[in-house]
Amino acid sequence: MAVRLLFALFLLSTGIMTIGFAINGYPVGDPPGDVGRFMMALEKTGYLIFWVGFFKAVVGGLMFAPRTAPLAVLMSLPYAFNILLYVTLFAHQYLVVGLPDFAACALLLYCYFDWYRPIFAGPTTAPGQVSCGDGNAL
């Protein structure tokens, strides 16, 4: 529960911060480094940074409620995987944030795996239906 709440707080706060960057601009040094130039290029796309921040804030908010937490963890997986790739391949100075971010998502996926198990279950036949050998019910 503590990991879920910390991850939710992280997503909600960084989502709000990212929305602020989309509105006010991304702060970069003078001259901007590789990460700064990358973020300025993303800023020029206009909508991407805002919607990423909005998505993170929504997912963080959903994660606070136990009933919607498993869905929110699934929704956060693409973001967490993207951050893992970003910090390992591009922005090494943020490994201290990116690795725990991905680790929290992976741990929560493991913790909620029983909730996800029906997704991976094979087709079942309803009572009174006869199953054919090819998986189709008659």
C-alpha atoms as a PDB file:
ATOM      1  CA  MET A   1       0.000   0.000   0.000  1.00  0.00           C
ATOM      2  CA  ALA A   2       2.856   2.385   0.794  1.00  0.00           C
ATOM      3  CA  VAL A   3       4.461   1.828  -2.616  1.00  0.00           C
ATOM      4  CA  ARG A   4       1.107   2.418  -4.323  1.00  0.00           C
ATOM      5  CA  LEU A   5       0.507   5.675  -2.462  1.00  0.00           C
ATOM      6  CA  LEU A   6       4.062   6.937  -3.033  1.00  0.00           C
ATOM      7  CA  PHE A   7       3.879   6.041  -6.727  1.00  0.00           C
ATOM      8  CA  ALA A   8       0.463   7.733  -6.958  1.00  0.00           C
ATOM      9  CA  LEU A   9       1.807  10.853  -5.277  1.00  0.00           C
ATOM     10  CA  PHE A  10       4.833  10.838  -7.603  1.00  0.00           C
ATOM     11  CA  LEU A  11       2.660  10.504 -10.718  1.00  0.00           C
ATOM     12  CA  LEU A  12       0.167  13.137  -9.588  1.00  0.00           C
ATOM     13  CA  SER A  13       2.818  15.687  -8.611  1.00  0.00           C
ATOM     14  CA  THR A  14       5.017  15.173 -11.688  1.00  0.00           C
ATOM     15  CA  GLY A  15       1.905  15.220 -13.868  1.00  0.00           C
ATOM     16  CA  ILE A  16       0.934  18.624 -12.501  1.00  0.00           C
ATOM     17  CA  MET A  17       4.536  19.793 -12.882  1.00  0.00           C
ATOM     18  CA  THR A  18       4.608  18.579 -16.510  1.00  0.00           C
ATOM     19  CA  ILE A  19       1.370  20.428 -17.257  1.00  0.00           C
ATOM     20  CA  GLY A  20       3.056  23.536 -15.832  1.00  0.00           C
ATOM     21  CA  PHE A  21       6.025  22.994 -18.173  1.00  0.00           C
ATOM     22  CA  ALA A  22       3.626  22.709 -21.099  1.00  0.00           C
ATOM     23  CA  ILE A  23       1.997  26.009 -20.199  1.00  0.00           C
ATOM     24  CA  ASN A  24       5.045  28.009 -19.047  1.00  0.00           C
ATOM     25  CA  GLY A  25       7.851  26.363 -21.015  1.00  0.00           C
ATOM     26  CA  TYR A  26      10.536  23.909 -19.972  1.00  0.00           C
ATOM     27  CA  PRO A  27      13.383  25.479 -17.950  1.00  0.00           C
ATOM     28  CA  VAL A  28      16.724  24.830 -19.637  1.00  0.00           C
ATOM     29  CA  GLY A  29      20.231  26.004 -18.911  1.00  0.00           C
ATOM     30  CA  ASP A  30      22.225  28.340 -21.066  1.00  0.00           C
ATOM     31  CA  PRO A  31      23.420  26.762 -23.344  1.00  0.00           C
ATOM     32  CA  PRO A  32      20.983  23.833 -23.164  1.00  0.00           C
ATOM     33  CA  GLY A  33      22.461  20.346 -22.926  1.00  0.00           C
ATOM     34  CA  ASP A  34      21.216  17.279 -24.777  1.00  0.00           C
ATOM     35  CA  VAL A  35      18.263  16.806 -22.430  1.00  0.00           C
ATOM     36  CA  GLY A  36      17.356  20.504 -22.640  1.00  0.00           C
ATOM     37  CA  ARG A  37      17.420  20.475 -26.448  1.00  0.00           C
ATOM     38  CA  PHE A  38      15.279  17.320 -26.458  1.00  0.00           C
ATOM     39  CA  MET A  39      12.720  18.881 -24.104  1.00  0.00           C
ATOM     40  CA  MET A  40      12.652  22.094 -26.164  1.00  0.00           C
ATOM     41  CA  ALA A  41      11.952  20.029 -29.286  1.00  0.00           C
ATOM     42  CA  LEU A  42       9.105  18.267 -27.482  1.00  0.00           C
ATOM     43  CA  GLU A  43       7.786  21.630 -26.303  1.00  0.00           C
ATOM     44  CA  LYS A  44       7.585  22.828 -29.910  1.00  0.00           C
ATOM     45  CA  THR A  45       5.175  19.988 -30.722  1.00  0.00           C
ATOM     46  CA  GLY A  46       2.663  21.835 -28.575  1.00  0.00           C
ATOM     47  CA  TYR A  47       0.322  19.197 -27.271  1.00  0.00           C
ATOM     48  CA  LEU A  48       2.545  16.278 -26.314  1.00  0.00           C
ATOM     49  CA  ILE A  49       3.911  17.531 -23.009  1.00  0.00           C
ATOM     50  CA  PHE A  50       0.508  18.762 -21.811  1.00  0.00           C
ATOM     51  CA  TRP A  51      -1.241  15.461 -22.543  1.00  0.00           C
ATOM     52  CA  VAL A  52       1.538  13.380 -20.991  1.00  0.00           C
ATOM     53  CA  GLY A  53       1.253  15.482 -17.841  1.00  0.00           C
ATOM     54  CA  PHE A  54      -2.529  15.243 -17.864  1.00  0.00           C
ATOM     55  CA  PHE A  55      -2.364  11.448 -18.283  1.00  0.00           C
ATOM     56  CA  LYS A  56       0.138  11.122 -15.423  1.00  0.00           C
ATOM     57  CA  ALA A  57      -2.033  13.256 -13.149  1.00  0.00           C
ATOM     58  CA  VAL A  58      -5.168  11.222 -13.943  1.00  0.00           C
ATOM     59  CA  VAL A  59      -3.362   7.919 -13.419  1.00  0.00           C
ATOM     60  CA  GLY A  60      -1.895   9.183 -10.143  1.00  0.00           C
ATOM     61  CA  GLY A  61      -5.343  10.230  -8.980  1.00  0.00           C
ATOM     62  CA  LEU A  62      -6.844   6.866  -9.916  1.00  0.00           C
ATOM     63  CA  MET A  63      -4.113   5.060  -8.020  1.00  0.00           C
ATOM     64  CA  PHE A  64      -5.178   6.616  -4.703  1.00  0.00           C
ATOM     65  CA  ALA A  65      -8.445   4.645  -4.761  1.00  0.00           C
ATOM     66  CA  PRO A  66      -7.942   0.930  -4.066  1.00  0.00           C
ATOM     67  CA  ARG A  67     -10.738  -0.021  -6.458  1.00  0.00           C
ATOM     68  CA  THR A  68      -9.145   1.675  -9.481  1.00  0.00           C
ATOM     69  CA  ALA A  69      -5.502   1.073  -8.540  1.00  0.00           C
ATOM     70  CA  PRO A  70      -4.992  -2.088 -10.663  1.00  0.00           C
ATOM     71  CA  LEU A  71      -6.267  -0.298 -13.763  1.00  0.00           C
ATOM     72  CA  ALA A  72      -4.107   2.744 -12.982  1.00  0.00           C
ATOM     73  CA  VAL A  73      -1.019   0.537 -12.638  1.00  0.00           C
ATOM     74  CA  LEU A  74      -1.702  -0.921 -16.086  1.00  0.00           C
ATOM     75  CA  MET A  75      -2.179   2.572 -17.469  1.00  0.00           C
ATOM     76  CA  SER A  76       1.127   3.710 -15.947  1.00  0.00           C
ATOM     77  CA  LEU A  77       3.155   0.849 -17.441  1.00  0.00           C
ATOM     78  CA  PRO A  78       3.831   2.489 -20.846  1.00  0.00           C
ATOM     79  CA  TYR A  79       4.917   5.683 -19.108  1.00  0.00           C
ATOM     80  CA  ALA A  80       7.181   3.849 -16.644  1.00  0.00           C
ATOM     81  CA  PHE A  81       8.758   1.762 -19.416  1.00  0.00           C
ATOM     82  CA  ASN A  82       9.333   4.888 -21.497  1.00  0.00           C
ATOM     83  CA  ILE A  83      10.996   6.610 -18.531  1.00  0.00           C
ATOM     84  CA  LEU A  84      13.203   3.552 -17.999  1.00  0.00           C
ATOM     85  CA  LEU A  85      14.369   3.717 -21.612  1.00  0.00           C
ATOM     86  CA  TYR A  86      14.784   7.507 -21.453  1.00  0.00           C
ATOM     87  CA  VAL A  87      17.005   7.477 -18.358  1.00  0.00           C
ATOM     88  CA  THR A  88      19.094   4.470 -19.352  1.00  0.00           C
ATOM     89  CA  LEU A  89      19.721   5.512 -22.951  1.00  0.00           C
ATOM     90  CA  PHE A  90      19.596   9.295 -22.903  1.00  0.00           C
ATOM     91  CA  ALA A  91      19.404  11.143 -19.580  1.00  0.00           C
ATOM     92  CA  HIS A  92      21.705   9.198 -17.272  1.00  0.00           C
ATOM     93  CA  GLN A  93      21.646  11.910 -14.604  1.00  0.00           C
ATOM     94  CA  TYR A  94      18.002  11.001 -13.868  1.00  0.00           C
ATOM     95  CA  LEU A  95      18.622   7.295 -13.190  1.00  0.00           C
ATOM     96  CA  VAL A  96      18.029   7.943  -9.485  1.00  0.00           C
ATOM     97  CA  VAL A  97      14.417   8.882 -10.326  1.00  0.00           C
ATOM     98  CA  GLY A  98      13.733   6.663 -13.342  1.00  0.00           C
ATOM     99  CA  LEU A  99      14.809   3.322 -11.913  1.00  0.00           C
ATOM    100  CA  PRO A 100      12.669   3.530  -8.733  1.00  0.00           C
ATOM    101  CA  ASP A 101       9.778   4.777 -10.884  1.00  0.00           C
ATOM    102  CA  PHE A 102       9.924   1.671 -13.065  1.00  0.00           C
ATOM    103  CA  ALA A 103      10.629  -0.594 -10.070  1.00  0.00           C
ATOM    104  CA  ALA A 104       7.513   0.681  -8.272  1.00  0.00           C
ATOM    105  CA  CYS A 105       5.401   0.031 -11.365  1.00  0.00           C
ATOM    106  CA  ALA A 106       6.857  -3.479 -11.764  1.00  0.00           C
ATOM    107  CA  LEU A 107       6.302  -4.258  -8.077  1.00  0.00           C
ATOM    108  CA  LEU A 108       2.700  -3.077  -8.262  1.00  0.00           C
ATOM    109  CA  LEU A 109       2.134  -5.171 -11.389  1.00  0.00           C
ATOM    110  CA  TYR A 110       3.380  -8.176  -9.451  1.00  0.00           C
ATOM    111  CA  CYS A 111       1.196  -7.340  -6.440  1.00  0.00           C
ATOM    112  CA  TYR A 112      -1.960  -6.980  -8.571  1.00  0.00           C
ATOM    113  CA  PHE A 113      -1.234  -9.963 -10.819  1.00  0.00           C
ATOM    114  CA  ASP A 114      -4.221 -11.920  -9.458  1.00  0.00           C
ATOM    115  CA  TRP A 115      -6.444  -9.072 -10.660  1.00  0.00           C
ATOM    116  CA  TYR A 116      -4.881  -9.351 -14.145  1.00  0.00           C
ATOM    117  CA  ARG A 117      -4.938 -13.176 -14.280  1.00  0.00           C
ATOM    118  CA  PRO A 118      -8.333 -13.400 -16.087  1.00  0.00           C
ATOM    119  CA  ILE A 119      -6.848 -11.372 -18.943  1.00  0.00           C
ATOM    120  CA  PHE A 120      -4.412 -14.202 -19.624  1.00  0.00           C
ATOM    121  CA  ALA A 121      -6.870 -17.064 -19.015  1.00  0.00           C
ATOM    122  CA  GLY A 122      -8.017 -19.096 -21.959  1.00  0.00           C
ATOM    123  CA  PRO A 123     -11.581 -19.108 -23.222  1.00  0.00           C
ATOM    124  CA  THR A 124     -14.099 -20.847 -21.020  1.00  0.00           C
ATOM    125  CA  THR A 125     -17.374 -22.475 -21.921  1.00  0.00           C
ATOM    126  CA  ALA A 126     -20.594 -21.432 -20.265  1.00  0.00           C
ATOM    127  CA  PRO A 127     -22.647 -24.065 -18.403  1.00  0.00           C
ATOM    128  CA  GLY A 128     -24.628 -26.141 -20.865  1.00  0.00           C
ATOM    129  CA  GLN A 129     -22.308 -25.456 -23.814  1.00  0.00           C
ATOM    130  CA  VAL A 130     -20.297 -28.161 -25.483  1.00  0.00           C
ATOM    131  CA  SER A 131     -16.748 -27.286 -26.355  1.00  0.00           C
ATOM    132  CA  CYS A 132     -15.332 -28.268 -29.741  1.00  0.00           C
ATOM    133  CA  GLY A 133     -11.724 -29.301 -30.148  1.00  0.00           C
ATOM    134  CA  ASP A 134     -10.805 -26.010 -31.851  1.00  0.00           C
ATOM    135  CA  GLY A 135     -11.856 -23.849 -28.871  1.00  0.00           C
ATOM    136  CA  ASN A 136     -15.232 -22.796 -30.277  1.00  0.00           C
ATOM    137  CA  ALA A 137     -18.327 -23.466 -28.210  1.00  0.00           C
ATOM    138  CA  LEU A 138     -21.425 -24.933 -29.825  1.00  0.00           C
END
